[in-house]
């Protein structure tokens, strides 16, 4: 299988819960992240081709959790490996420069971060 992604993705070493900022509901946790998007392991159905506003936290090199807010567009979904779970691919469509910097640092140095 040939890899078609433009940017490398990294899996978090710990569960990073994702919250829908419009409802306050935890919708799942991150399967992997790239600078352009994420795989969400969703606990509830996600609407095809929909836009969402999500938040999650990423650890910095000092172990402090940094809040990240992203606007995302659903790209694809599939049944997960666990009952009731959906795997959903999202593309980031809105990410402020500060949050983008935190994400970039995490992607570049995730192995150095304290969990």
PDB file of N, CA and C in Angstrom:
ATOM      1  N   UNK A   1       0.836  -1.173   0.000  1.00  0.00           N
ATOM      2  CA  UNK A   1       0.000   0.000   0.000  1.00  0.00           C
ATOM      3  C   UNK A   1       0.886   1.243   0.000  1.00  0.00           C
ATOM      4  N   UNK A   2       0.699   2.117  -0.959  1.00  0.00           N
ATOM      5  CA  UNK A   2       1.478   3.345  -1.042  1.00  0.00           C
ATOM      6  C   UNK A   2       0.848   4.440  -0.192  1.00  0.00           C
ATOM      7  N   UNK A   3       1.694   5.146   0.544  1.00  0.00           N
ATOM      8  CA  UNK A   3       1.240   6.255   1.385  1.00  0.00           C
ATOM      9  C   UNK A   3       0.975   7.469   0.501  1.00  0.00           C
ATOM     10  N   UNK A   4      -0.224   8.020   0.568  1.00  0.00           N
ATOM     11  CA  UNK A   4      -0.615   9.153  -0.269  1.00  0.00           C
ATOM     12  C   UNK A   4      -0.659  10.468   0.505  1.00  0.00           C
ATOM     13  N   UNK A   5      -0.445  10.431   1.800  1.00  0.00           N
ATOM     14  CA  UNK A   5      -0.523  11.648   2.595  1.00  0.00           C
ATOM     15  C   UNK A   5       0.644  12.566   2.277  1.00  0.00           C
ATOM     16  N   UNK A   6       0.353  13.879   2.304  1.00  0.00           N
ATOM     17  CA  UNK A   6       1.395  14.857   2.035  1.00  0.00           C
ATOM     18  C   UNK A   6       2.269  15.113   3.247  1.00  0.00           C
ATOM     19  N   UNK A   7       1.700  15.040   4.426  1.00  0.00           N
ATOM     20  CA  UNK A   7       2.440  15.337   5.649  1.00  0.00           C
ATOM     21  C   UNK A   7       2.432  14.136   6.589  1.00  0.00           C
ATOM     22  N   UNK A   8       3.532  13.915   7.303  1.00  0.00           N
ATOM     23  CA  UNK A   8       3.562  12.799   8.257  1.00  0.00           C
ATOM     24  C   UNK A   8       2.594  13.025   9.407  1.00  0.00           C
ATOM     25  N   UNK A   9       2.106  11.926   9.935  1.00  0.00           N
ATOM     26  CA  UNK A   9       1.182  11.958  11.075  1.00  0.00           C
ATOM     27  C   UNK A   9       1.858  11.311  12.270  1.00  0.00           C
ATOM     28  N   UNK A  10       1.457  11.785  13.453  1.00  0.00           N
ATOM     29  CA  UNK A  10       1.986  11.211  14.694  1.00  0.00           C
ATOM     30  C   UNK A  10       0.831  10.816  15.588  1.00  0.00           C
ATOM     31  N   UNK A  11       1.014   9.692  16.261  1.00  0.00           N
ATOM     32  CA  UNK A  11       0.032   9.233  17.253  1.00  0.00           C
ATOM     33  C   UNK A  11       0.431   9.738  18.623  1.00  0.00           C
ATOM     34  N   UNK A  12      -0.541  10.202  19.386  1.00  0.00           N
ATOM     35  CA  UNK A  12      -0.218  10.578  20.769  1.00  0.00           C
ATOM     36  C   UNK A  12       0.042   9.329  21.609  1.00  0.00           C
ATOM     37  N   UNK A  13       0.883   9.476  22.626  1.00  0.00           N
ATOM     38  CA  UNK A  13       1.184   8.351  23.517  1.00  0.00           C
ATOM     39  C   UNK A  13       0.132   8.174  24.596  1.00  0.00           C
ATOM     40  N   UNK A  14      -0.717   9.165  24.774  1.00  0.00           N
ATOM     41  CA  UNK A  14      -1.787   9.108  25.774  1.00  0.00           C
ATOM     42  C   UNK A  14      -3.081   9.539  25.096  1.00  0.00           C
ATOM     43  N   UNK A  15      -4.199   9.193  25.680  1.00  0.00           N
ATOM     44  CA  UNK A  15      -5.497   9.577  25.119  1.00  0.00           C
ATOM     45  C   UNK A  15      -5.663  11.092  25.191  1.00  0.00           C
ATOM     46  N   UNK A  16      -5.911  11.700  24.042  1.00  0.00           N
ATOM     47  CA  UNK A  16      -6.179  13.134  23.966  1.00  0.00           C
ATOM     48  C   UNK A  16      -7.640  13.294  23.567  1.00  0.00           C
ATOM     49  N   UNK A  17      -8.460  13.632  24.540  1.00  0.00           N
ATOM     50  CA  UNK A  17      -9.893  13.761  24.302  1.00  0.00           C
ATOM     51  C   UNK A  17     -10.200  15.007  23.489  1.00  0.00           C
ATOM     52  N   UNK A  18     -11.194  14.871  22.613  1.00  0.00           N
ATOM     53  CA  UNK A  18     -11.620  15.958  21.732  1.00  0.00           C
ATOM     54  C   UNK A  18     -13.031  16.362  22.131  1.00  0.00           C
ATOM     55  N   UNK A  19     -13.231  17.670  22.309  1.00  0.00           N
ATOM     56  CA  UNK A  19     -14.522  18.212  22.705  1.00  0.00           C
ATOM     57  C   UNK A  19     -15.108  19.040  21.574  1.00  0.00           C
ATOM     58  N   UNK A  20     -16.398  18.865  21.328  1.00  0.00           N
ATOM     59  CA  UNK A  20     -17.132  19.728  20.401  1.00  0.00           C
ATOM     60  C   UNK A  20     -17.384  21.023  21.156  1.00  0.00           C
ATOM     61  N   UNK A  21     -16.783  22.126  20.724  1.00  0.00           N
ATOM     62  CA  UNK A  21     -16.897  23.368  21.491  1.00  0.00           C
ATOM     63  C   UNK A  21     -18.291  23.980  21.415  1.00  0.00           C
ATOM     64  N   UNK A  22     -19.091  23.569  20.458  1.00  0.00           N
ATOM     65  CA  UNK A  22     -20.454  24.101  20.352  1.00  0.00           C
ATOM     66  C   UNK A  22     -21.390  23.441  21.370  1.00  0.00           C
ATOM     67  N   UNK A  23     -21.144  22.166  21.694  1.00  0.00           N
ATOM     68  CA  UNK A  23     -22.029  21.442  22.610  1.00  0.00           C
ATOM     69  C   UNK A  23     -21.384  21.147  23.963  1.00  0.00           C
ATOM     70  N   UNK A  24     -20.054  21.213  24.020  1.00  0.00           N
ATOM     71  CA  UNK A  24     -19.338  20.856  25.239  1.00  0.00           C
ATOM     72  C   UNK A  24     -19.174  19.361  25.424  1.00  0.00           C
ATOM     73  N   UNK A  25     -19.625  18.578  24.463  1.00  0.00           N
ATOM     74  CA  UNK A  25     -19.590  17.122  24.546  1.00  0.00           C
ATOM     75  C   UNK A  25     -18.244  16.574  24.065  1.00  0.00           C
ATOM     76  N   UNK A  26     -17.703  15.601  24.810  1.00  0.00           N
ATOM     77  CA  UNK A  26     -16.525  14.876  24.335  1.00  0.00           C
ATOM     78  C   UNK A  26     -16.987  13.968  23.209  1.00  0.00           C
ATOM     79  N   UNK A  27     -16.366  14.103  22.035  1.00  0.00           N
ATOM     80  CA  UNK A  27     -16.803  13.334  20.866  1.00  0.00           C
ATOM     81  C   UNK A  27     -15.901  12.144  20.579  1.00  0.00           C
ATOM     82  N   UNK A  28     -14.750  12.077  21.239  1.00  0.00           N
ATOM     83  CA  UNK A  28     -13.839  10.963  21.018  1.00  0.00           C
ATOM     84  C   UNK A  28     -12.435  11.348  21.418  1.00  0.00           C
ATOM     85  N   UNK A  29     -11.455  10.643  20.841  1.00  0.00           N
ATOM     86  CA  UNK A  29     -10.062  10.986  21.102  1.00  0.00           C
ATOM     87  C   UNK A  29      -9.248  10.890  19.819  1.00  0.00           C
ATOM     88  N   UNK A  30      -8.101  11.507  19.849  1.00  0.00           N
ATOM     89  CA  UNK A  30      -7.262  11.612  18.654  1.00  0.00           C
ATOM     90  C   UNK A  30      -6.562  10.293  18.380  1.00  0.00           C
ATOM     91  N   UNK A  31      -6.670   9.847  17.136  1.00  0.00           N
ATOM     92  CA  UNK A  31      -5.930   8.675  16.679  1.00  0.00           C
ATOM     93  C   UNK A  31      -4.559   9.071  16.171  1.00  0.00           C
ATOM     94  N   UNK A  32      -4.507  10.172  15.397  1.00  0.00           N
ATOM     95  CA  UNK A  32      -3.239  10.733  14.966  1.00  0.00           C
ATOM     96  C   UNK A  32      -3.461  12.167  14.508  1.00  0.00           C
ATOM     97  N   UNK A  33      -2.359  12.900  14.405  1.00  0.00           N
ATOM     98  CA  UNK A  33      -2.381  14.316  14.025  1.00  0.00           C
ATOM     99  C   UNK A  33      -1.329  14.600  12.974  1.00  0.00           C
ATOM    100  N   UNK A  34      -1.623  15.544  12.100  1.00  0.00           N
ATOM    101  CA  UNK A  34      -0.634  16.134  11.205  1.00  0.00           C
ATOM    102  C   UNK A  34      -0.850  17.636  11.255  1.00  0.00           C
ATOM    103  N   UNK A  35      -0.027  18.375  10.533  1.00  0.00           N
ATOM    104  CA  UNK A  35      -0.187  19.826  10.502  1.00  0.00           C
ATOM    105  C   UNK A  35      -1.482  20.225   9.786  1.00  0.00           C
ATOM    106  N   UNK A  36      -2.031  19.326   8.977  1.00  0.00           N
ATOM    107  CA  UNK A  36      -3.233  19.642   8.188  1.00  0.00           C
ATOM    108  C   UNK A  36      -4.512  18.985   8.672  1.00  0.00           C
ATOM    109  N   UNK A  37      -4.432  18.018   9.601  1.00  0.00           N
ATOM    110  CA  UNK A  37      -5.657  17.339   9.987  1.00  0.00           C
ATOM    111  C   UNK A  37      -5.447  16.303  11.065  1.00  0.00           C
ATOM    112  N   UNK A  38      -6.503  15.524  11.288  1.00  0.00           N
ATOM    113  CA  UNK A  38      -6.438  14.522  12.345  1.00  0.00           C
ATOM    114  C   UNK A  38      -7.380  13.364  12.065  1.00  0.00           C
ATOM    115  N   UNK A  39      -7.057  12.235  12.686  1.00  0.00           N
ATOM    116  CA  UNK A  39      -7.950  11.089  12.738  1.00  0.00           C
ATOM    117  C   UNK A  39      -8.607  11.121  14.106  1.00  0.00           C
ATOM    118  N   UNK A  40      -9.932  11.165  14.118  1.00  0.00           N
ATOM    119  CA  UNK A  40     -10.700  11.143  15.359  1.00  0.00           C
ATOM    120  C   UNK A  40     -11.294   9.759  15.536  1.00  0.00           C
ATOM    121  N   UNK A  41     -11.084   9.157  16.698  1.00  0.00           N
ATOM    122  CA  UNK A  41     -11.751   7.910  17.050  1.00  0.00           C
ATOM    123  C   UNK A  41     -13.002   8.337  17.802  1.00  0.00           C
ATOM    124  N   UNK A  42     -14.094   8.457  17.049  1.00  0.00           N
ATOM    125  CA  UNK A  42     -15.324   9.068  17.558  1.00  0.00           C
ATOM    126  C   UNK A  42     -16.184   8.074  18.316  1.00  0.00           C
ATOM    127  N   UNK A  43     -16.803   8.574  19.384  1.00  0.00           N
ATOM    128  CA  UNK A  43     -17.701   7.781  20.215  1.00  0.00           C
ATOM    129  C   UNK A  43     -19.149   7.936  19.779  1.00  0.00           C
ATOM    130  N   UNK A  44     -19.379   8.792  18.808  1.00  0.00           N
ATOM    131  CA  UNK A  44     -20.737   9.036  18.327  1.00  0.00           C
ATOM    132  C   UNK A  44     -20.667   9.290  16.830  1.00  0.00           C
ATOM    133  N   UNK A  45     -21.793   9.175  16.133  1.00  0.00           N
ATOM    134  CA  UNK A  45     -21.773   9.430  14.688  1.00  0.00           C
ATOM    135  C   UNK A  45     -21.386  10.881  14.377  1.00  0.00           C
ATOM    136  N   UNK A  46     -20.676  11.038  13.279  1.00  0.00           N
ATOM    137  CA  UNK A  46     -20.272  12.348  12.779  1.00  0.00           C
ATOM    138  C   UNK A  46     -20.942  12.539  11.425  1.00  0.00           C
ATOM    139  N   UNK A  47     -21.466  13.705  11.182  1.00  0.00           N
ATOM    140  CA  UNK A  47     -22.178  13.999   9.937  1.00  0.00           C
ATOM    141  C   UNK A  47     -21.187  14.104   8.772  1.00  0.00           C
ATOM    142  N   UNK A  48     -21.479  13.409   7.669  1.00  0.00           N
ATOM    143  CA  UNK A  48     -20.639  13.462   6.474  1.00  0.00           C
ATOM    144  C   UNK A  48     -20.534  14.882   5.945  1.00  0.00           C
ATOM    145  N   UNK A  49     -19.324  15.280   5.554  1.00  0.00           N
ATOM    146  CA  UNK A  49     -19.044  16.555   4.894  1.00  0.00           C
ATOM    147  C   UNK A  49     -19.402  17.767   5.760  1.00  0.00           C
ATOM    148  N   UNK A  50     -19.484  17.582   7.074  1.00  0.00           N
ATOM    149  CA  UNK A  50     -19.888  18.659   7.985  1.00  0.00           C
ATOM    150  C   UNK A  50     -18.679  19.414   8.522  1.00  0.00           C
ATOM    151  N   UNK A  51     -18.955  20.610   9.035  1.00  0.00           N
ATOM    152  CA  UNK A  51     -17.951  21.440   9.690  1.00  0.00           C
ATOM    153  C   UNK A  51     -18.166  21.377  11.198  1.00  0.00           C
ATOM    154  N   UNK A  52     -17.072  21.318  11.945  1.00  0.00           N
ATOM    155  CA  UNK A  52     -17.127  21.263  13.401  1.00  0.00           C
ATOM    156  C   UNK A  52     -16.081  22.212  13.977  1.00  0.00           C
ATOM    157  N   UNK A  53     -16.308  22.594  15.231  1.00  0.00           N
ATOM    158  CA  UNK A  53     -15.323  23.343  16.003  1.00  0.00           C
ATOM    159  C   UNK A  53     -14.943  22.460  17.180  1.00  0.00           C
ATOM    160  N   UNK A  54     -13.679  22.020  17.225  1.00  0.00           N
ATOM    161  CA  UNK A  54     -13.206  21.110  18.248  1.00  0.00           C
ATOM    162  C   UNK A  54     -12.127  21.763  19.098  1.00  0.00           C
ATOM    163  N   UNK A  55     -11.960  21.220  20.299  1.00  0.00           N
ATOM    164  CA  UNK A  55     -10.832  21.617  21.144  1.00  0.00           C
ATOM    165  C   UNK A  55     -10.214  20.353  21.743  1.00  0.00           C
ATOM    166  N   UNK A  56      -8.921  20.438  22.002  1.00  0.00           N
ATOM    167  CA  UNK A  56      -8.175  19.371  22.661  1.00  0.00           C
ATOM    168  C   UNK A  56      -6.925  19.998  23.262  1.00  0.00           C
ATOM    169  N   UNK A  57      -6.169  19.227  24.007  1.00  0.00           N
ATOM    170  CA  UNK A  57      -4.956  19.728  24.644  1.00  0.00           C
ATOM    171  C   UNK A  57      -3.761  18.905  24.186  1.00  0.00           C
ATOM    172  N   UNK A  58      -2.653  19.593  23.940  1.00  0.00           N
ATOM    173  CA  UNK A  58      -1.395  18.932  23.607  1.00  0.00           C
ATOM    174  C   UNK A  58      -0.361  19.285  24.663  1.00  0.00           C
ATOM    175  N   UNK A  59       0.435  18.303  25.084  1.00  0.00           N
ATOM    176  CA  UNK A  59       1.491  18.613  26.054  1.00  0.00           C
ATOM    177  C   UNK A  59       2.649  19.337  25.371  1.00  0.00           C
ATOM    178  N   UNK A  60       3.266  20.275  26.115  1.00  0.00           N
ATOM    179  CA  UNK A  60       4.482  20.896  25.616  1.00  0.00           C
ATOM    180  C   UNK A  60       5.683  20.149  26.195  1.00  0.00           C
ATOM    181  N   UNK A  61       6.883  20.608  25.887  1.00  0.00           N
ATOM    182  CA  UNK A  61       8.087  19.893  26.330  1.00  0.00           C
ATOM    183  C   UNK A  61       8.252  19.893  27.843  1.00  0.00           C
ATOM    184  N   UNK A  62       7.490  20.730  28.553  1.00  0.00           N
ATOM    185  CA  UNK A  62       7.547  20.774  30.009  1.00  0.00           C
ATOM    186  C   UNK A  62       6.407  19.993  30.650  1.00  0.00           C
ATOM    187  N   UNK A  63       5.594  19.320  29.828  1.00  0.00           N
ATOM    188  CA  UNK A  63       4.488  18.531  30.340  1.00  0.00           C
ATOM    189  C   UNK A  63       3.217  19.323  30.587  1.00  0.00           C
ATOM    190  N   UNK A  64       3.235  20.613  30.296  1.00  0.00           N
ATOM    191  CA  UNK A  64       2.034  21.443  30.464  1.00  0.00           C
ATOM    192  C   UNK A  64       1.097  21.219  29.282  1.00  0.00           C
ATOM    193  N   UNK A  65      -0.182  21.067  29.586  1.00  0.00           N
ATOM    194  CA  UNK A  65      -1.159  20.888  28.517  1.00  0.00           C
ATOM    195  C   UNK A  65      -1.546  22.238  27.938  1.00  0.00           C
ATOM    196  N   UNK A  66      -1.426  22.342  26.637  1.00  0.00           N
ATOM    197  CA  UNK A  66      -1.752  23.573  25.923  1.00  0.00           C
ATOM    198  C   UNK A  66      -3.070  23.381  25.176  1.00  0.00           C
ATOM    199  N   UNK A  67      -4.046  24.274  25.396  1.00  0.00           N
ATOM    200  CA  UNK A  67      -5.329  24.136  24.691  1.00  0.00           C
ATOM    201  C   UNK A  67      -5.186  24.500  23.215  1.00  0.00           C
ATOM    202  N   UNK A  68      -5.847  23.714  22.385  1.00  0.00           N
ATOM    203  CA  UNK A  68      -5.862  23.930  20.938  1.00  0.00           C
ATOM    204  C   UNK A  68      -7.320  23.967  20.504  1.00  0.00           C
ATOM    205  N   UNK A  69      -7.677  24.938  19.670  1.00  0.00           N
ATOM    206  CA  UNK A  69      -9.008  24.972  19.058  1.00  0.00           C
ATOM    207  C   UNK A  69      -8.835  24.944  17.551  1.00  0.00           C
ATOM    208  N   UNK A  70      -9.644  24.093  16.907  1.00  0.00           N
ATOM    209  CA  UNK A  70      -9.557  23.947  15.462  1.00  0.00           C
ATOM    210  C   UNK A  70     -10.952  23.928  14.841  1.00  0.00           C
ATOM    211  N   UNK A  71     -11.060  24.544  13.689  1.00  0.00           N
ATOM    212  CA  UNK A  71     -12.219  24.350  12.839  1.00  0.00           C
ATOM    213  C   UNK A  71     -11.857  23.229  11.887  1.00  0.00           C
ATOM    214  N   UNK A  72     -12.753  22.261  11.728  1.00  0.00           N
ATOM    215  CA  UNK A  72     -12.443  21.080  10.917  1.00  0.00           C
ATOM    216  C   UNK A  72     -13.565  20.784   9.928  1.00  0.00           C
ATOM    217  N   UNK A  73     -13.178  20.087   8.856  1.00  0.00           N
ATOM    218  CA  UNK A  73     -14.124  19.627   7.835  1.00  0.00           C
ATOM    219  C   UNK A  73     -13.988  18.120   7.724  1.00  0.00           C
ATOM    220  N   UNK A  74     -15.098  17.411   7.906  1.00  0.00           N
ATOM    221  CA  UNK A  74     -15.101  15.944   7.806  1.00  0.00           C
ATOM    222  C   UNK A  74     -14.789  15.542   6.376  1.00  0.00           C
ATOM    223  N   UNK A  75     -13.818  14.626   6.209  1.00  0.00           N
ATOM    224  CA  UNK A  75     -13.383  14.163   4.897  1.00  0.00           C
ATOM    225  C   UNK A  75     -13.844  12.738   4.578  1.00  0.00           C
ATOM    226  N   UNK A  76     -13.848  11.881   5.601  1.00  0.00           N
ATOM    227  CA  UNK A  76     -14.228  10.478   5.410  1.00  0.00           C
ATOM    228  C   UNK A  76     -14.528   9.866   6.769  1.00  0.00           C
ATOM    229  N   UNK A  77     -15.211   8.740   6.763  1.00  0.00           N
ATOM    230  CA  UNK A  77     -15.444   8.002   8.007  1.00  0.00           C
ATOM    231  C   UNK A  77     -15.580   6.514   7.699  1.00  0.00           C
ATOM    232  N   UNK A  78     -15.307   5.707   8.713  1.00  0.00           N
ATOM    233  CA  UNK A  78     -15.409   4.256   8.595  1.00  0.00           C
ATOM    234  C   UNK A  78     -15.698   3.691   9.971  1.00  0.00           C
ATOM    235  N   UNK A  79     -16.292   2.514  10.000  1.00  0.00           N
ATOM    236  CA  UNK A  79     -16.535   1.843  11.281  1.00  0.00           C
ATOM    237  C   UNK A  79     -15.206   1.533  11.942  1.00  0.00           C
ATOM    238  N   UNK A  80     -15.127   1.779  13.242  1.00  0.00           N
ATOM    239  CA  UNK A  80     -13.907   1.504  13.994  1.00  0.00           C
ATOM    240  C   UNK A  80     -13.792   0.043  14.368  1.00  0.00           C
ATOM    241  N   UNK A  81     -12.729  -0.276  15.068  1.00  0.00           N
ATOM    242  CA  UNK A  81     -12.487  -1.659  15.460  1.00  0.00           C
ATOM    243  C   UNK A  81     -13.277  -2.057  16.699  1.00  0.00           C
ATOM    244  N   UNK A  82     -13.747  -1.060  17.460  1.00  0.00           N
ATOM    245  CA  UNK A  82     -14.559  -1.345  18.642  1.00  0.00           C
ATOM    246  C   UNK A  82     -16.013  -0.998  18.349  1.00  0.00           C
ATOM    247  N   UNK A  83     -16.913  -1.734  18.945  1.00  0.00           N
ATOM    248  CA  UNK A  83     -18.343  -1.510  18.740  1.00  0.00           C
ATOM    249  C   UNK A  83     -18.726  -0.062  19.104  1.00  0.00           C
ATOM    250  N   UNK A  84     -19.458   0.593  18.211  1.00  0.00           N
ATOM    251  CA  UNK A  84     -19.916   1.958  18.452  1.00  0.00           C
ATOM    252  C   UNK A  84     -18.893   3.034  18.141  1.00  0.00           C
ATOM    253  N   UNK A  85     -17.713   2.634  17.696  1.00  0.00           N
ATOM    254  CA  UNK A  85     -16.661   3.600  17.402  1.00  0.00           C
ATOM    255  C   UNK A  85     -16.611   3.869  15.898  1.00  0.00           C
ATOM    256  N   UNK A  86     -16.373   5.108  15.531  1.00  0.00           N
ATOM    257  CA  UNK A  86     -16.178   5.500  14.136  1.00  0.00           C
ATOM    258  C   UNK A  86     -14.815   6.148  13.996  1.00  0.00           C
ATOM    259  N   UNK A  87     -14.114   5.831  12.923  1.00  0.00           N
ATOM    260  CA  UNK A  87     -12.864   6.501  12.594  1.00  0.00           C
ATOM    261  C   UNK A  87     -13.226   7.592  11.606  1.00  0.00           C
ATOM    262  N   UNK A  88     -12.816   8.820  11.896  1.00  0.00           N
ATOM    263  CA  UNK A  88     -13.209   9.951  11.064  1.00  0.00           C
ATOM    264  C   UNK A  88     -11.983  10.801  10.751  1.00  0.00           C
ATOM    265  N   UNK A  89     -11.783  11.062   9.464  1.00  0.00           N
ATOM    266  CA  UNK A  89     -10.689  11.922   9.019  1.00  0.00           C
ATOM    267  C   UNK A  89     -11.179  13.349   8.862  1.00  0.00           C
ATOM    268  N   UNK A  90     -10.454  14.278   9.469  1.00  0.00           N
ATOM    269  CA  UNK A  90     -10.790  15.698   9.391  1.00  0.00           C
ATOM    270  C   UNK A  90      -9.617  16.489   8.819  1.00  0.00           C
ATOM    271  N   UNK A  91      -9.945  17.506   8.050  1.00  0.00           N
ATOM    272  CA  UNK A  91      -8.971  18.485   7.559  1.00  0.00           C
ATOM    273  C   UNK A  91      -9.156  19.754   8.375  1.00  0.00           C
ATOM    274  N   UNK A  92      -8.052  20.338   8.853  1.00  0.00           N
ATOM    275  CA  UNK A  92      -8.138  21.601   9.574  1.00  0.00           C
ATOM    276  C   UNK A  92      -8.462  22.719   8.577  1.00  0.00           C
ATOM    277  N   UNK A  93      -9.466  23.522   8.899  1.00  0.00           N
ATOM    278  CA  UNK A  93      -9.808  24.665   8.055  1.00  0.00           C
ATOM    279  C   UNK A  93      -9.614  25.981   8.793  1.00  0.00           C
ATOM    280  N   UNK A  94      -9.462  25.932  10.112  1.00  0.00           N
ATOM    281  CA  UNK A  94      -9.229  27.144  10.892  1.00  0.00           C
ATOM    282  C   UNK A  94      -8.385  26.780  12.106  1.00  0.00           C
ATOM    283  N   UNK A  95      -7.223  27.398  12.199  1.00  0.00           N
ATOM    284  CA  UNK A  95      -6.289  27.146  13.289  1.00  0.00           C
ATOM    285  C   UNK A  95      -5.512  28.433  13.492  1.00  0.00           C
ATOM    286  N   UNK A  96      -5.646  29.058  14.668  1.00  0.00           N
ATOM    287  CA  UNK A  96      -4.961  30.339  14.866  1.00  0.00           C
ATOM    288  C   UNK A  96      -3.449  30.124  14.930  1.00  0.00           C
ATOM    289  N   UNK A  97      -2.671  31.152  14.625  1.00  0.00           N
ATOM    290  CA  UNK A  97      -1.208  31.005  14.554  1.00  0.00           C
ATOM    291  C   UNK A  97      -0.562  30.467  15.839  1.00  0.00           C
ATOM    292  N   UNK A  98      -1.044  30.878  17.013  1.00  0.00           N
ATOM    293  CA  UNK A  98      -0.468  30.365  18.256  1.00  0.00           C
ATOM    294  C   UNK A  98      -0.704  28.867  18.394  1.00  0.00           C
ATOM    295  N   UNK A  99      -1.933  28.424  18.119  1.00  0.00           N
ATOM    296  CA  UNK A  99      -2.255  26.999  18.195  1.00  0.00           C
ATOM    297  C   UNK A  99      -1.491  26.211  17.131  1.00  0.00           C
ATOM    298  N   UNK A 100      -1.329  26.806  15.963  1.00  0.00           N
ATOM    299  CA  UNK A 100      -0.566  26.158  14.903  1.00  0.00           C
ATOM    300  C   UNK A 100       0.882  25.946  15.341  1.00  0.00           C
ATOM    301  N   UNK A 101       1.444  26.914  16.074  1.00  0.00           N
ATOM    302  CA  UNK A 101       2.805  26.774  16.586  1.00  0.00           C
ATOM    303  C   UNK A 101       2.925  25.661  17.608  1.00  0.00           C
ATOM    304  N   UNK A 102       1.945  25.564  18.510  1.00  0.00           N
ATOM    305  CA  UNK A 102       1.948  24.487  19.509  1.00  0.00           C
ATOM    306  C   UNK A 102       1.866  23.130  18.802  1.00  0.00           C
ATOM    307  N   UNK A 103       0.983  23.022  17.820  1.00  0.00           N
ATOM    308  CA  UNK A 103       0.839  21.774  17.067  1.00  0.00           C
ATOM    309  C   UNK A 103       2.135  21.437  16.340  1.00  0.00           C
ATOM    310  N   UNK A 104       2.739  22.415  15.697  1.00  0.00           N
ATOM    311  CA  UNK A 104       3.995  22.197  14.975  1.00  0.00           C
ATOM    312  C   UNK A 104       5.082  21.693  15.921  1.00  0.00           C
ATOM    313  N   UNK A 105       5.228  22.350  17.083  1.00  0.00           N
ATOM    314  CA  UNK A 105       6.237  21.920  18.053  1.00  0.00           C
ATOM    315  C   UNK A 105       5.975  20.500  18.518  1.00  0.00           C
ATOM    316  N   UNK A 106       4.701  20.162  18.787  1.00  0.00           N
ATOM    317  CA  UNK A 106       4.366  18.820  19.232  1.00  0.00           C
ATOM    318  C   UNK A 106       4.712  17.789  18.152  1.00  0.00           C
ATOM    319  N   UNK A 107       4.389  18.097  16.916  1.00  0.00           N
ATOM    320  CA  UNK A 107       4.671  17.159  15.826  1.00  0.00           C
ATOM    321  C   UNK A 107       6.174  16.963  15.634  1.00  0.00           C
ATOM    322  N   UNK A 108       6.959  18.016  15.810  1.00  0.00           N
ATOM    323  CA  UNK A 108       8.406  17.937  15.609  1.00  0.00           C
ATOM    324  C   UNK A 108       9.124  17.250  16.768  1.00  0.00           C
ATOM    325  N   UNK A 109       8.551  17.385  17.988  1.00  0.00           N
ATOM    326  CA  UNK A 109       9.280  16.938  19.172  1.00  0.00           C
ATOM    327  C   UNK A 109       8.462  16.034  20.084  1.00  0.00           C
ATOM    328  N   UNK A 110       7.457  15.370  19.541  1.00  0.00           N
ATOM    329  CA  UNK A 110       6.558  14.555  20.381  1.00  0.00           C
ATOM    330  C   UNK A 110       7.306  13.535  21.228  1.00  0.00           C
ATOM    331  N   UNK A 111       8.368  12.964  20.711  1.00  0.00           N
ATOM    332  CA  UNK A 111       9.122  11.960  21.468  1.00  0.00           C
ATOM    333  C   UNK A 111       9.790  12.557  22.708  1.00  0.00           C
ATOM    334  N   UNK A 112      10.035  13.874  22.710  1.00  0.00           N
ATOM    335  CA  UNK A 112      10.690  14.534  23.840  1.00  0.00           C
ATOM    336  C   UNK A 112       9.725  14.981  24.908  1.00  0.00           C
ATOM    337  N   UNK A 113       8.438  14.918  24.621  1.00  0.00           N
ATOM    338  CA  UNK A 113       7.433  15.480  25.529  1.00  0.00           C
ATOM    339  C   UNK A 113       7.148  14.536  26.677  1.00  0.00           C
ATOM    340  N   UNK A 114       6.902  15.116  27.832  1.00  0.00           N
ATOM    341  CA  UNK A 114       6.547  14.357  29.025  1.00  0.00           C
ATOM    342  C   UNK A 114       5.050  14.120  29.028  1.00  0.00           C
ATOM    343  N   UNK A 115       4.644  12.874  29.177  1.00  0.00           N
ATOM    344  CA  UNK A 115       3.217  12.550  29.208  1.00  0.00           C
ATOM    345  C   UNK A 115       2.825  12.355  30.617  1.00  0.00           C
TER     346      UNK A 115
END
